[in-house]
Structures are given as C-alpha cells and as structure tokens.
Protein backbone atom coordinates (compact mmCIF):
# COMPACT_ATOMS: atom_id res chain seq x y z
CA MET A 1 32.94 25.50 27.88
CA SER A 2 32.00 21.60 28.10
CA TYR A 3 28.97 22.52 29.47
CA ARG A 4 27.88 25.00 26.12
CA ILE A 5 29.34 21.71 24.13
CA ALA A 6 26.28 19.59 26.40
CA LEU A 7 23.85 22.69 26.06
CA ALA A 8 23.85 23.06 22.12
CA ALA A 9 24.14 19.07 21.98
CA ALA A 10 21.04 18.33 24.18
CA ALA A 11 19.64 21.40 22.35
CA ALA A 12 19.86 20.39 18.65
CA ALA A 13 19.06 17.26 19.75
CA LEU A 14 15.01 18.95 21.14
CA LEU A 15 15.43 19.78 16.94
CA VAL A 16 15.53 16.18 15.65
CA PRO A 17 12.28 15.23 15.01
CA MET A 18 11.23 11.86 17.15
CA GLY A 19 9.28 9.36 15.26
CA ALA A 20 9.25 5.58 14.00
CA GLN A 21 9.49 4.04 10.73
CA ALA A 22 8.46 0.85 10.08
CA GLN A 23 8.27 -1.59 6.24
CA GLU A 24 5.14 -4.00 6.21
CA THR A 25 3.49 -6.87 3.68
CA LEU A 26 0.11 -6.97 2.86
CA ALA A 27 -0.70 -10.64 3.14
CA PRO A 28 -1.12 -12.01 -1.01
CA SER A 29 -5.12 -12.74 -1.93
CA GLU A 30 -6.90 -14.17 -4.24
CA LEU A 31 -10.98 -14.90 -5.30
CA ALA A 32 -11.91 -17.30 -8.29
CA ARG A 33 -15.10 -15.90 -9.58
CA ASP A 34 -16.31 -17.89 -12.73
CA ALA A 35 -14.98 -22.15 -13.22
CA LEU A 36 -13.93 -22.40 -16.57
CA PRO A 37 -15.68 -24.39 -18.94
CA ALA A 38 -15.16 -28.25 -19.48
CA ASP A 39 -13.83 -27.92 -22.87
CA ALA A 40 -11.69 -24.91 -21.80
CA ASP A 41 -8.45 -24.36 -24.06
CA THR A 42 -6.20 -23.36 -21.51
CA ALA A 43 -4.08 -20.59 -24.37
CA ARG A 44 -6.65 -18.02 -24.33
CA ILE A 45 -5.77 -17.14 -20.74
CA GLU A 46 -5.66 -14.14 -20.39
CA ILE A 47 -3.54 -12.56 -17.83
CA ALA A 48 -3.33 -9.20 -16.97
CA ARG A 49 -1.27 -7.10 -14.16
CA ALA A 50 -0.13 -3.90 -13.20
CA ASP A 51 1.68 -2.50 -9.44
CA LEU A 52 -1.37 -0.05 -7.95
CA ALA A 53 1.46 1.56 -5.54
CA GLY A 54 1.02 4.75 -7.88
CA ALA A 55 -2.62 4.42 -7.41
CA ILE A 56 -2.44 4.22 -4.39
CA GLY A 57 -0.55 7.41 -3.54
CA THR A 58 0.63 8.39 0.37
CA TRP A 59 -1.52 8.64 3.08
CA SER A 60 -0.98 10.89 6.40
CA GLY A 61 -2.44 11.50 8.89
CA VAL A 62 -2.17 12.59 12.64
CA ARG A 63 -2.17 8.05 13.33
CA ASN A 64 -2.57 5.27 12.74
CA CYS A 65 -1.09 5.23 9.33
CA GLY A 66 0.13 2.09 9.99
CA ASP A 67 -3.40 0.62 10.74
CA ALA A 68 -3.52 -3.00 8.99
CA ALA A 69 -7.29 -2.19 8.02
CA ARG A 70 -6.90 0.79 7.04
CA VAL A 71 -4.18 -0.32 4.30
CA LYS A 72 -5.45 -2.81 3.44
CA GLY A 73 -8.82 -0.60 2.49
CA LEU A 74 -6.70 1.20 0.53
CA MET A 75 -5.51 -1.15 -0.92
CA GLN A 76 -9.00 -3.02 -2.11
CA ALA A 77 -10.94 1.20 -2.78
CA ALA A 78 -7.58 1.67 -5.30
CA PHE A 79 -8.10 -2.92 -6.88
CA ASP A 80 -11.84 -2.60 -6.57
CA ARG A 81 -10.91 0.60 -9.32
CA TRP A 82 -8.43 -1.46 -11.65
CA ILE A 83 -10.24 -4.86 -11.48
CA GLY A 84 -13.20 -2.09 -13.15
CA GLN A 85 -11.47 -1.50 -15.27
CA GLN A 86 -10.01 -4.89 -16.86
CA VAL A 87 -13.49 -6.21 -16.64
CA GLN A 88 -14.90 -2.84 -19.01
CA ALA A 89 -11.35 -3.86 -21.26
CA ARG A 90 -11.99 -7.36 -22.36
CA PRO A 91 -15.75 -7.65 -23.21
CA GLY A 92 -17.66 -10.77 -23.94
CA ARG A 93 -14.36 -11.69 -21.83
CA LEU A 94 -14.30 -14.45 -18.61
CA LEU A 95 -13.07 -13.00 -15.75
CA ILE A 96 -11.55 -16.21 -14.15
CA THR A 97 -9.40 -15.23 -10.37
CA TYR A 98 -8.03 -11.93 -9.84
CA GLY A 99 -6.19 -11.25 -6.56
CA TRP A 100 -2.93 -8.68 -5.35
CA GLU A 101 0.05 -10.48 -4.51
CA SER A 102 2.09 -9.65 -1.76
CA SER A 103 2.32 -6.28 -1.68
CA SER A 104 5.04 -3.87 0.44
CA TRP A 105 4.13 -0.88 2.17
CA SER A 106 5.38 1.69 4.83
CA TYR A 107 4.89 4.23 7.44
CA ARG A 108 6.23 6.99 9.69
CA ASN A 109 4.71 8.50 13.14
CA GLY A 110 6.83 11.02 14.63
CA ARG A 111 6.37 14.45 16.77
CA ARG A 112 7.62 17.36 15.33
CA PRO A 113 10.61 19.53 17.14
CA TRP A 114 10.17 21.35 19.78
CA PRO A 115 8.30 23.44 20.73
CA SER A 116 5.26 22.16 18.48
CA ASN A 117 6.20 18.67 19.59
CA ALA A 118 2.73 17.08 17.23
CA ARG A 119 2.01 14.45 16.69
CA TYR A 120 3.04 13.25 12.32
CA CYS A 121 2.05 9.71 10.38
CA ARG A 122 2.93 9.46 7.01
CA GLY A 123 2.73 5.98 4.22
CA SER A 124 2.45 4.95 1.36
CA PHE A 125 2.92 1.47 -0.39
CA GLY A 126 6.23 0.44 -2.32
CA SER A 127 4.76 -2.01 -4.26
CA ALA A 128 1.08 -3.41 -4.94
CA LYS A 129 0.65 -5.95 -7.29
CA VAL A 130 -2.18 -7.39 -8.96
CA TYR A 131 -3.33 -9.49 -11.84
CA ALA A 132 -6.30 -10.82 -13.18
CA ARG A 133 -7.06 -13.78 -15.95
CA PHE A 134 -9.94 -13.97 -18.28
CA TYR A 135 -10.79 -16.82 -20.79
C-alpha cells in the first residue's frame, strides 16, 4: 500500500509546474532638461506624477522575462509616451526635470507539467512611479 502512495505522490509532484519567482527593482533615474531662469519663481513649479504599472502591463515569453535590459526598455517606452503626453498637455511650460522613482517588478520562470515540459515566463510591474517638473 505504501508503494502506491509513494507512486501517487511522485506523479503529483511531476504535475506541479516547476518554476522560480523573483522580485526586482529598477533603479531611479532623473534627467534635467533645461535650467531654471535666474529670476524664476519656484511657486510656479508644477509636478506631474503617475504610476505606469498598468500602462506597461505584463510581458511573457519562453525566457528572459527577468532580463534587466528588457524591463528597462519596457519602462523607457512607457515613460517616453507618458512624458510626451505631459509636455503636449502643458504648452508653453518649461520641462525642468523628469524621471522615475525606484520601481518594483517581478517575474516567474517555469516549465509546464509533464509531458510538455515547455518553458514559460511572465513578468509585470508592481509599481512604476514617474514624475515631471514644469516651470
């Protein structure tokens, strides 16, 4: 009887997807575009903020979902779209600084259950906070 239980447990272990999950962060990045005029009134500075995690969405594939260059590229593309929208929404305003804060993302690599054993990976941002300062 114990042989059957051990065999059933081994078969069940083969059916559970194997994989690894990780939490990562993307380092903050700030760029300065223009300097403030010498007589600038700091009360006129407007800060736009957003969380782009939903705009980036998820990514998937067979491998490389945890590749830092791939994640930074996805963040950069979403950020470029967002900053363009912010500049267009504020005609005549001077963009002073812009960038993103430390963002968190996670990914999971694994294999499908036997007999497939196909590789898969999925990734997503938990937070991707961005900002822009205008004068």
